[in-house]
Protein backbone atom coordinates (compact mmCIF):
# COMPACT_ATOMS: atom_id res chain seq x y z
CA MET A 1 -28.00 -10.28 -140.87
CA GLN A 2 -28.35 -8.05 -137.43
CA TRP A 3 -27.56 -4.26 -138.54
CA ASP A 4 -27.60 -1.35 -136.60
CA ALA A 5 -26.10 2.43 -136.77
CA GLY A 6 -22.78 1.19 -135.62
CA ASN A 7 -22.25 -1.76 -137.95
CA SER A 8 -24.01 -0.48 -141.17
CA THR A 9 -21.80 2.65 -141.64
CA LYS A 10 -18.28 1.57 -140.42
CA SER A 11 -17.25 -0.60 -143.49
CA ALA A 12 -18.81 1.91 -145.35
CA ALA A 13 -16.45 4.90 -144.09
CA LYS A 14 -13.00 2.82 -143.83
CA HIS A 15 -13.25 0.46 -146.67
CA GLY A 16 -15.54 1.28 -149.25
CA PHE A 17 -17.95 -1.55 -148.65
CA HIS A 18 -21.81 -1.03 -147.65
CA VAL A 19 -24.93 -3.21 -146.47
CA ALA A 20 -25.63 -3.97 -149.85
CA ASP A 21 -22.24 -5.35 -150.96
CA VAL A 22 -22.02 -7.51 -147.16
CA GLU A 23 -25.24 -9.09 -148.40
CA SER A 24 -24.36 -9.65 -152.10
CA LEU A 25 -21.30 -11.59 -150.44
CA LEU A 26 -23.59 -13.77 -148.57
CA ALA A 27 -25.40 -14.81 -151.65
CA GLY A 28 -22.29 -16.16 -153.15
CA ALA A 29 -19.87 -18.65 -152.62
CA VAL A 30 -18.12 -18.20 -149.62
CA LEU A 31 -15.09 -19.92 -147.69
CA PHE A 32 -15.40 -20.13 -143.77
CA ALA A 33 -11.69 -19.23 -142.65
CA GLY A 34 -12.27 -20.07 -139.19
CA ARG A 35 -12.06 -18.19 -135.87
CA ILE A 36 -10.15 -15.04 -135.26
CA VAL A 37 -8.23 -15.68 -132.11
CA GLU A 38 -5.79 -12.58 -132.32
CA PRO A 39 -6.89 -10.02 -131.40
CA ALA A 40 -8.76 -11.51 -128.78
CA HIS A 41 -12.43 -10.03 -128.03
CA GLU A 42 -15.22 -10.91 -125.61
CA GLU A 43 -17.38 -11.72 -128.42
CA ALA A 44 -16.36 -14.82 -130.48
CA ARG A 45 -15.27 -13.30 -134.06
CA TYR A 46 -14.97 -15.24 -137.44
CA LEU A 47 -13.65 -14.68 -140.84
CA LEU A 48 -15.73 -15.14 -144.28
CA LEU A 49 -14.08 -15.03 -147.43
CA GLY A 50 -16.03 -14.32 -150.77
CA ALA A 51 -16.92 -11.95 -153.53
CA THR A 52 -19.40 -9.50 -153.93
CA SER A 53 -21.60 -8.88 -156.64
CA ASP A 54 -19.30 -6.73 -158.65
CA GLY A 55 -16.51 -9.05 -158.25
CA ARG A 56 -14.32 -7.66 -155.06
CA HIS A 57 -12.66 -10.39 -153.41
CA THR A 58 -13.85 -9.37 -149.84
CA ALA A 59 -12.87 -10.82 -146.39
CA LEU A 60 -15.87 -9.94 -143.69
CA VAL A 61 -15.27 -10.18 -139.85
CA PHE A 62 -18.48 -11.18 -137.85
CA ALA A 63 -19.89 -12.29 -134.93
CA ARG A 64 -22.88 -14.80 -134.34
CA ARG A 65 -25.52 -13.77 -131.82
CA GLY A 66 -28.34 -16.66 -131.83
CA GLU A 67 -29.02 -17.49 -135.62
CA LEU A 68 -28.01 -13.78 -137.06
CA LEU A 69 -24.83 -13.03 -138.26
CA ARG A 70 -23.53 -9.36 -136.71
CA PRO A 71 -21.19 -7.85 -139.83
CA ILE A 72 -18.08 -6.26 -137.44
CA SER A 73 -15.87 -5.29 -140.68
CA CYS A 74 -15.67 -5.81 -144.36
CA ARG A 75 -12.51 -5.19 -146.47
CA VAL A 76 -10.50 -6.16 -149.49
CA MET A 77 -9.03 -9.86 -149.17
CA ARG A 78 -5.17 -9.33 -148.23
CA LYS A 79 -3.25 -11.70 -150.63
CA LYS A 80 -3.04 -14.87 -148.68
CA GLU A 81 -6.72 -14.58 -148.17
CA ARG A 82 -7.34 -14.13 -151.76
CA GLU A 83 -4.38 -16.99 -152.90
CA ALA A 84 -6.88 -19.12 -150.30
CA TYR A 85 -9.93 -18.44 -151.77
CA ASP A 86 -8.86 -18.71 -155.34
CA GLU A 87 -7.40 -22.14 -154.00
CA ALA A 88 -10.85 -23.23 -152.79
CA THR A 89 -13.24 -21.71 -155.52
């Protein structure tokens, strides 16, 4: 994981998800939902769906930087995301 001052506090301030929540999400079963094409960004962004250790259904937007994942944003899943995750798991 690649953390810095920007991404380690953004999701907590906006959505109530902390670094430990993101890391617990990645420790469990996740569904790779694909690449985000809209809105377009210079750096490719992707979406993972999973659950945190406290059971919150979570969507993680991230970028890849070499072998590292850089979390961009973490939030509660939208309804259709949750349906896709529940069906896949």
